[in-house]
């Protein structure tokens, strides 16, 4: 998304006829305290607790074999957010993917009313992945065999050589490497009793990223709701960024794949050897240009579904191409491609508790 497009979206979002607003204070902009993936500007309220259970299933493309992806495993999250004041809340969460823990906070800066056209909140997250993660280096390093220098039995020599190659070509991420941060401003506007929109610029910093990727990334989350009935809303959300993660762990290896399975593009040394024979120029061009397969990247996350309010619960049921739940991982991109009929189903369940003292 270009900067000009983003400016136009924000401008259209903020500029609307003030005649739509005749009330001294607007009603709630959204049904619950979150969109499908990102939070919204709604407050939890002082001494209130929002307990949330989020669930994303597997690929539902094979509807009969995997039963809409329900048999393929799931990414889940449990979270708690507590209202310290009417405007400020603190929360913690644990997500099964990468065994990720989150500490997060949200603070409302502006509230929409007759004199203020928008609601504005700040949202910040610290994420910590805890699973073991090993990155393989490429090009491959092949050190000399230690068998030439150490008088050991052959099996031990082979094991030693393999260990040296392994530690020379792999890097295990530290806990600091697996830490990431997110900062976002949530900007919402209730246009009518039925229509509300939110735009959320996002910034993510990751301490460690794969090759050819930057540690810092920006994006924008765009979502909204259309009220269908008193207790039912249609909701949607999409996350845009100028760049998403590529599939695989190593850019050099991904960049060498061709459209023909089992065949890679030629390296510089291989090309130099072949070009010594003029009859192989066409072969080089065919292999490295015609058959070259572009590096595959993850997709633009897009989701839509229904919010259903039942007293102290809000149920969110939706279709999405994104299994990610942890906020600091959202800008990496979605898992599935809607154009190939790849998708998944998910749900969020909010349960609200009040610990405020009774007031006569």
Protein backbone atom coordinates (compact mmCIF):
# COMPACT_ATOMS: atom_id res chain seq x y z
CA UNK A 1 0.00 0.00 0.00
CA UNK A 2 1.50 3.33 -1.07
CA UNK A 3 1.78 6.32 1.27
CA UNK A 4 -0.64 8.29 -0.93
CA UNK A 5 -3.27 5.52 -0.74
CA UNK A 6 -2.89 5.33 3.02
CA UNK A 7 -3.29 9.12 3.36
CA UNK A 8 -6.44 9.03 1.23
CA UNK A 9 -7.93 6.24 3.33
CA UNK A 10 -7.22 8.10 6.56
CA UNK A 11 -8.58 11.34 5.09
CA UNK A 12 -11.82 9.72 3.93
CA UNK A 13 -12.10 8.00 7.27
CA UNK A 14 -11.87 11.23 9.27
CA UNK A 15 -13.93 13.50 6.99
CA UNK A 16 -17.67 12.89 7.09
CA UNK A 17 -20.70 15.06 7.63
CA UNK A 18 -21.02 16.27 11.22
CA UNK A 19 -24.81 16.16 10.86
CA UNK A 20 -24.57 12.40 11.53
CA UNK A 21 -23.82 13.15 15.15
CA UNK A 22 -26.62 14.77 17.14
CA UNK A 23 -26.05 12.98 20.44
CA UNK A 24 -23.94 14.48 23.21
CA UNK A 25 -22.03 11.24 23.55
CA UNK A 26 -21.85 8.41 21.02
CA UNK A 27 -22.90 4.86 21.80
CA UNK A 28 -20.29 2.11 21.83
CA UNK A 29 -18.45 1.85 18.53
CA UNK A 30 -18.01 -1.94 18.59
CA UNK A 31 -19.72 -4.82 20.37
CA UNK A 32 -16.67 -6.14 22.26
CA UNK A 33 -13.16 -4.95 23.04
CA UNK A 34 -11.48 -6.42 19.94
CA UNK A 35 -11.80 -6.84 16.21
CA UNK A 36 -10.95 -10.28 14.82
CA UNK A 37 -7.16 -9.95 15.25
CA UNK A 38 -6.42 -6.53 16.70
CA UNK A 39 -8.06 -4.79 19.68
CA UNK A 40 -10.44 -1.91 19.10
CA UNK A 41 -10.94 1.38 20.92
CA UNK A 42 -13.64 0.08 23.27
CA UNK A 43 -12.64 0.24 26.96
CA UNK A 44 -12.87 -2.72 29.30
CA UNK A 45 -13.76 -0.39 32.17
CA UNK A 46 -12.28 0.03 35.64
CA UNK A 47 -12.15 -3.15 37.75
CA UNK A 48 -13.47 -5.23 34.83
CA UNK A 49 -11.78 -8.36 33.50
CA UNK A 50 -11.89 -9.59 29.89
CA UNK A 51 -11.09 -13.31 29.67
CA UNK A 52 -10.58 -14.37 26.06
CA UNK A 53 -10.22 -17.73 24.34
CA UNK A 54 -9.04 -17.51 20.70
CA UNK A 55 -8.92 -20.44 18.28
CA UNK A 56 -7.71 -20.89 14.67
CA UNK A 57 -8.07 -24.27 12.93
CA UNK A 58 -6.15 -25.79 10.00
CA UNK A 59 -6.66 -25.47 6.24
CA UNK A 60 -10.34 -26.04 5.44
CA UNK A 61 -9.84 -26.51 1.69
CA UNK A 62 -10.32 -30.26 1.98
CA UNK A 63 -13.68 -29.91 3.70
CA UNK A 64 -14.55 -33.60 3.91
CA UNK A 65 -11.15 -35.15 4.68
CA UNK A 66 -10.09 -32.65 7.36
CA UNK A 67 -13.63 -31.66 8.43
CA UNK A 68 -13.21 -27.94 7.67
CA UNK A 69 -9.70 -28.02 9.11
CA UNK A 70 -10.86 -29.12 12.57
CA UNK A 71 -8.81 -32.33 12.31
CA UNK A 72 -5.61 -30.52 11.32
CA UNK A 73 -4.67 -29.07 14.71
CA UNK A 74 -5.20 -25.54 15.91
CA UNK A 75 -3.48 -22.40 17.12
CA UNK A 76 -4.98 -21.28 20.42
CA UNK A 77 -4.60 -18.40 22.86
CA UNK A 78 -5.75 -17.69 26.39
CA UNK A 79 -5.64 -14.08 27.58
CA UNK A 80 -6.65 -11.82 30.47
CA UNK A 81 -7.08 -8.03 30.25
CA UNK A 82 -7.92 -6.00 33.36
CA UNK A 83 -9.14 -2.42 33.55
CA UNK A 84 -6.87 -0.43 35.87
CA UNK A 85 -8.89 2.74 35.19
CA UNK A 86 -11.75 3.58 32.85
CA UNK A 87 -9.20 4.33 30.10
CA UNK A 88 -6.22 2.09 30.91
CA UNK A 89 -5.99 -1.71 30.85
CA UNK A 90 -3.19 -4.27 31.25
CA UNK A 91 -3.14 -7.79 29.87
CA UNK A 92 -1.26 -11.06 29.50
CA UNK A 93 -1.66 -13.85 26.93
CA UNK A 94 -0.25 -17.21 25.98
CA UNK A 95 -0.40 -18.55 22.39
CA UNK A 96 0.37 -22.14 21.40
CA UNK A 97 2.25 -21.19 18.18
CA UNK A 98 5.94 -20.86 19.16
CA UNK A 99 4.68 -21.04 22.80
CA UNK A 100 4.43 -17.25 22.76
CA UNK A 101 3.77 -15.09 25.83
CA UNK A 102 2.52 -11.50 25.61
CA UNK A 103 2.40 -8.57 27.99
CA UNK A 104 0.23 -5.76 26.66
CA UNK A 105 -1.43 -2.47 27.51
CA UNK A 106 -4.10 -0.23 26.01
CA UNK A 107 -4.85 3.41 26.88
CA UNK A 108 -7.63 5.56 25.45
CA UNK A 109 -6.42 9.03 24.46
CA UNK A 110 -9.58 10.43 22.83
CA UNK A 111 -13.25 9.51 23.00
CA UNK A 112 -15.70 10.26 20.19
CA UNK A 113 -18.48 12.73 21.02
CA UNK A 114 -20.09 15.87 19.57
CA UNK A 115 -16.83 17.80 19.69
CA UNK A 116 -14.45 14.91 18.86
CA UNK A 117 -14.93 13.05 15.55
CA UNK A 118 -12.85 9.97 16.45
CA UNK A 119 -11.83 7.68 19.27
CA UNK A 120 -8.09 7.12 19.68
CA UNK A 121 -6.25 4.53 21.78
CA UNK A 122 -2.63 3.44 22.10
CA UNK A 123 -1.85 -0.29 22.13
CA UNK A 124 1.55 -1.76 23.00
CA UNK A 125 2.77 -5.37 23.22
CA UNK A 126 5.92 -7.22 24.29
CA UNK A 127 6.04 -10.75 22.84
CA UNK A 128 8.33 -13.62 23.85
CA UNK A 129 8.55 -16.87 21.87
CA UNK A 130 9.90 -19.78 23.94
CA UNK A 131 10.20 -22.76 21.55
CA UNK A 132 13.63 -23.90 20.37
CA UNK A 133 14.37 -22.32 17.00
CA UNK A 134 17.41 -23.19 14.86
CA UNK A 135 18.41 -21.29 11.71
CA UNK A 136 20.47 -23.09 9.05
CA UNK A 137 23.12 -21.05 7.29
CA UNK A 138 23.49 -21.09 3.52
CA UNK A 139 25.76 -21.31 1.49
CA UNK A 140 26.79 -24.48 3.28
CA UNK A 141 30.08 -24.49 5.20
CA UNK A 142 32.07 -27.72 4.86
CA UNK A 143 35.12 -27.64 7.19
CA UNK A 144 38.04 -30.07 6.74
CA UNK A 145 37.63 -33.47 8.38
CA UNK A 146 39.12 -33.77 11.85
CA UNK A 147 40.02 -37.36 10.97
CA UNK A 148 43.26 -36.09 9.43
CA UNK A 149 44.43 -34.73 12.77
CA UNK A 150 42.82 -36.85 15.51
CA UNK A 151 43.56 -40.56 15.95
CA UNK A 152 40.05 -41.79 16.81
CA UNK A 153 37.97 -44.80 15.75
CA UNK A 154 36.12 -44.22 12.48
CA UNK A 155 32.59 -43.99 13.96
CA UNK A 156 33.76 -41.32 16.39
CA UNK A 157 35.51 -39.45 13.57
CA UNK A 158 32.30 -39.43 11.53
CA UNK A 159 30.28 -38.22 14.48
CA UNK A 160 32.84 -35.50 15.20
CA UNK A 161 32.85 -34.34 11.56
CA UNK A 162 29.06 -34.22 11.56
CA UNK A 163 28.99 -32.24 14.80
CA UNK A 164 31.48 -29.67 13.48
CA UNK A 165 29.47 -29.26 10.27
CA UNK A 166 26.29 -28.88 12.30
CA UNK A 167 27.55 -26.17 14.64
CA UNK A 168 29.21 -24.43 11.68
CA UNK A 169 25.97 -24.27 9.70
CA UNK A 170 23.33 -23.74 12.39
CA UNK A 171 22.48 -20.99 14.83
CA UNK A 172 20.14 -21.51 17.78
CA UNK A 173 18.17 -18.39 18.68
CA UNK A 174 18.53 -17.04 22.21
CA UNK A 175 15.61 -15.84 24.31
CA UNK A 176 16.57 -12.26 23.45
CA UNK A 177 16.53 -13.15 19.73
CA UNK A 178 12.95 -14.44 20.07
CA UNK A 179 11.64 -11.21 21.63
CA UNK A 180 9.51 -8.72 19.65
CA UNK A 181 7.55 -5.51 20.22
CA UNK A 182 4.45 -3.89 18.73
CA UNK A 183 3.10 -0.35 18.97
CA UNK A 184 -0.16 0.76 17.37
CA UNK A 185 -2.59 3.67 17.43
CA UNK A 186 -6.19 2.51 17.18
CA UNK A 187 -8.32 5.13 15.38
CA UNK A 188 -12.05 4.42 15.18
CA UNK A 189 -15.17 6.29 14.12
CA UNK A 190 -18.82 5.44 14.53
CA UNK A 191 -20.48 6.79 11.38
CA UNK A 192 -24.03 5.67 12.16
CA UNK A 193 -25.75 3.38 14.64
CA UNK A 194 -24.95 0.50 12.29
CA UNK A 195 -21.57 1.32 10.72
CA UNK A 196 -18.21 1.72 12.48
CA UNK A 197 -14.68 1.62 11.05
CA UNK A 198 -11.19 1.47 12.52
CA UNK A 199 -7.75 2.17 11.07
CA UNK A 200 -4.71 1.11 13.10
CA UNK A 201 -1.16 2.01 11.98
CA UNK A 202 1.20 -0.68 13.31
CA UNK A 203 4.94 -0.84 14.00
CA UNK A 204 6.73 -4.08 14.88
CA UNK A 205 10.35 -4.63 15.89
CA UNK A 206 11.81 -8.15 15.96
CA UNK A 207 15.19 -8.74 17.53
CA UNK A 208 16.01 -11.50 15.02
CA UNK A 209 14.69 -12.02 11.48
CA UNK A 210 15.51 -14.32 8.57
CA UNK A 211 18.03 -13.20 5.92
CA UNK A 212 16.90 -10.45 3.53
CA UNK A 213 14.30 -9.14 6.02
CA UNK A 214 14.45 -6.01 8.18
CA UNK A 215 14.04 -6.02 11.95
CA UNK A 216 11.49 -3.19 11.73
CA UNK A 217 8.22 -3.33 9.83
CA UNK A 218 5.19 -1.05 9.52
CA UNK A 219 1.67 -1.81 8.39
CA UNK A 220 -1.94 -0.81 8.82
CA UNK A 221 -4.91 -2.78 10.09
CA UNK A 222 -8.31 -1.82 8.61
CA UNK A 223 -11.49 -3.25 10.09
CA UNK A 224 -15.07 -2.47 10.89
CA UNK A 225 -18.54 -3.65 11.74
CA UNK A 226 -22.02 -3.46 10.22
CA UNK A 227 -24.84 -4.07 12.69
CA UNK A 228 -27.28 -6.65 11.37
CA UNK A 229 -29.48 -7.11 14.41
CA UNK A 230 -29.56 -5.86 17.98
CA UNK A 231 -27.07 -8.49 19.17
CA UNK A 232 -25.41 -9.51 15.88
CA UNK A 233 -22.73 -7.62 13.92
CA UNK A 234 -20.98 -8.43 10.65
CA UNK A 235 -17.24 -7.74 11.11
CA UNK A 236 -14.27 -7.67 8.76
CA UNK A 237 -10.55 -6.97 9.03
CA UNK A 238 -7.49 -6.83 6.74
CA UNK A 239 -3.82 -6.13 7.51
CA UNK A 240 -1.63 -4.44 4.90
CA UNK A 241 2.14 -3.97 4.88
CA UNK A 242 4.72 -3.13 2.24
CA UNK A 243 6.51 -6.43 2.82
CA UNK A 244 5.70 -9.79 4.37
CA UNK A 245 7.89 -12.75 5.35
CA UNK A 246 8.92 -15.27 2.70
CA UNK A 247 8.18 -18.97 3.08
CA UNK A 248 11.05 -21.13 4.24
CA UNK A 249 13.99 -20.39 6.51
CA UNK A 250 16.66 -19.30 4.04
CA UNK A 251 16.28 -16.76 1.25
CA UNK A 252 19.26 -18.13 -0.74
CA UNK A 253 17.75 -21.63 -0.81
CA UNK A 254 14.25 -20.32 -1.70
CA UNK A 255 15.66 -18.15 -4.48
CA UNK A 256 17.29 -21.15 -6.18
CA UNK A 257 14.10 -23.16 -6.70
CA UNK A 258 12.80 -23.69 -10.24
CA UNK A 259 9.40 -24.60 -11.65
CA UNK A 260 10.76 -28.11 -12.29
CA UNK A 261 10.75 -30.15 -9.02
CA UNK A 262 14.18 -31.33 -7.97
CA UNK A 263 16.06 -28.81 -10.14
CA UNK A 264 17.70 -25.65 -8.81
CA UNK A 265 19.01 -22.64 -10.70
CA UNK A 266 22.71 -22.65 -11.49
CA UNK A 267 25.20 -20.90 -9.23
CA UNK A 268 27.73 -18.38 -10.52
CA UNK A 269 30.53 -20.96 -10.53
CA UNK A 270 28.38 -23.45 -12.43
CA UNK A 271 27.46 -20.82 -15.01
CA UNK A 272 31.11 -19.85 -15.54
CA UNK A 273 32.02 -23.48 -16.16
CA UNK A 274 29.19 -23.98 -18.66
CA UNK A 275 29.78 -20.73 -20.55
CA UNK A 276 33.16 -22.03 -21.61
CA UNK A 277 31.14 -24.05 -24.13
CA UNK A 278 28.96 -21.76 -26.27
CA UNK A 279 26.40 -24.50 -26.90
CA UNK A 280 25.38 -24.33 -23.22
CA UNK A 281 24.33 -20.64 -23.20
CA UNK A 282 20.74 -21.57 -24.05
CA UNK A 283 20.69 -24.19 -21.30
CA UNK A 284 21.84 -21.61 -18.73
CA UNK A 285 19.21 -19.11 -19.87
CA UNK A 286 16.43 -21.70 -19.77
CA UNK A 287 17.35 -22.93 -16.31
CA UNK A 288 17.99 -19.57 -14.63
CA UNK A 289 15.47 -17.35 -16.46
CA UNK A 290 12.63 -19.36 -17.97
CA UNK A 291 12.34 -22.02 -15.23
CA UNK A 292 13.23 -19.72 -12.34
CA UNK A 293 10.56 -19.76 -9.59
CA UNK A 294 10.05 -16.49 -7.69
CA UNK A 295 10.44 -16.58 -3.91
CA UNK A 296 7.06 -17.26 -2.29
CA UNK A 297 5.80 -14.81 0.34
CA UNK A 298 2.94 -15.07 2.81
CA UNK A 299 -0.39 -13.45 1.95
CA UNK A 300 -2.39 -10.38 2.96
CA UNK A 301 -4.47 -11.34 6.03
CA UNK A 302 -8.21 -10.91 5.47
CA UNK A 303 -11.04 -12.08 7.73
CA UNK A 304 -14.80 -11.68 8.00
CA UNK A 305 -17.49 -13.09 10.25
CA UNK A 306 -20.15 -12.46 12.90
CA UNK A 307 -20.05 -11.04 16.43
CA UNK A 308 -22.83 -12.34 18.68
CA UNK A 309 -23.49 -10.76 22.09
CA UNK A 310 -25.22 -12.81 24.83
CA UNK A 311 -25.13 -11.01 28.15
CA UNK A 312 -21.61 -11.28 29.57
CA UNK A 313 -20.25 -13.10 26.49
CA UNK A 314 -19.28 -11.98 23.01
CA UNK A 315 -18.79 -14.79 20.46
CA UNK A 316 -16.83 -13.99 17.31
CA UNK A 317 -17.12 -16.58 14.51
CA UNK A 318 -15.24 -15.93 11.27
CA UNK A 319 -13.54 -17.17 8.10
CA UNK A 320 -9.91 -16.15 7.62
CA UNK A 321 -6.72 -16.98 5.74
CA UNK A 322 -4.60 -16.22 8.81
CA UNK A 323 -3.88 -18.64 11.68
CA UNK A 324 -1.73 -16.14 13.57
CA UNK A 325 -3.04 -14.85 16.92
CA UNK A 326 -0.04 -13.27 18.71
CA UNK A 327 -0.05 -9.55 17.90
CA UNK A 328 3.69 -9.17 17.26
CA UNK A 329 3.46 -11.89 14.57
CA UNK A 330 0.57 -10.42 12.55
CA UNK A 331 2.74 -8.46 10.09
CA UNK A 332 4.52 -11.64 9.00
CA UNK A 333 1.59 -12.41 6.68
CA UNK A 334 -1.23 -14.94 6.36
CA UNK A 335 -0.79 -18.68 5.89
CA UNK A 336 -3.38 -19.35 3.21
CA UNK A 337 -4.24 -18.00 -0.24
CA UNK A 338 -7.94 -17.32 -0.85
CA UNK A 339 -7.27 -17.41 -4.62
CA UNK A 340 -6.36 -21.10 -4.26
CA UNK A 341 -9.42 -21.71 -2.06
CA UNK A 342 -7.21 -22.11 1.01
CA UNK A 343 -8.83 -20.77 4.18
CA UNK A 344 -9.64 -21.62 7.77
CA UNK A 345 -12.30 -21.00 10.37
CA UNK A 346 -11.77 -19.49 13.79
CA UNK A 347 -13.49 -18.07 16.80
CA UNK A 348 -12.86 -15.71 19.71
CA UNK A 349 -14.85 -15.93 22.93
CA UNK A 350 -14.94 -12.95 25.32
CA UNK A 351 -16.19 -13.41 28.87
CA UNK A 352 -16.46 -10.22 30.93
CA UNK A 353 -16.31 -10.11 34.74
CA UNK A 354 -16.80 -7.10 36.97
CA UNK A 355 -14.93 -6.66 40.26
CA UNK A 356 -16.22 -3.15 40.88
CA UNK A 357 -17.77 -2.63 44.33
CA UNK A 358 -21.55 -2.55 44.46
CA UNK A 359 -22.98 0.98 44.43
CA UNK A 360 -26.36 1.73 46.02
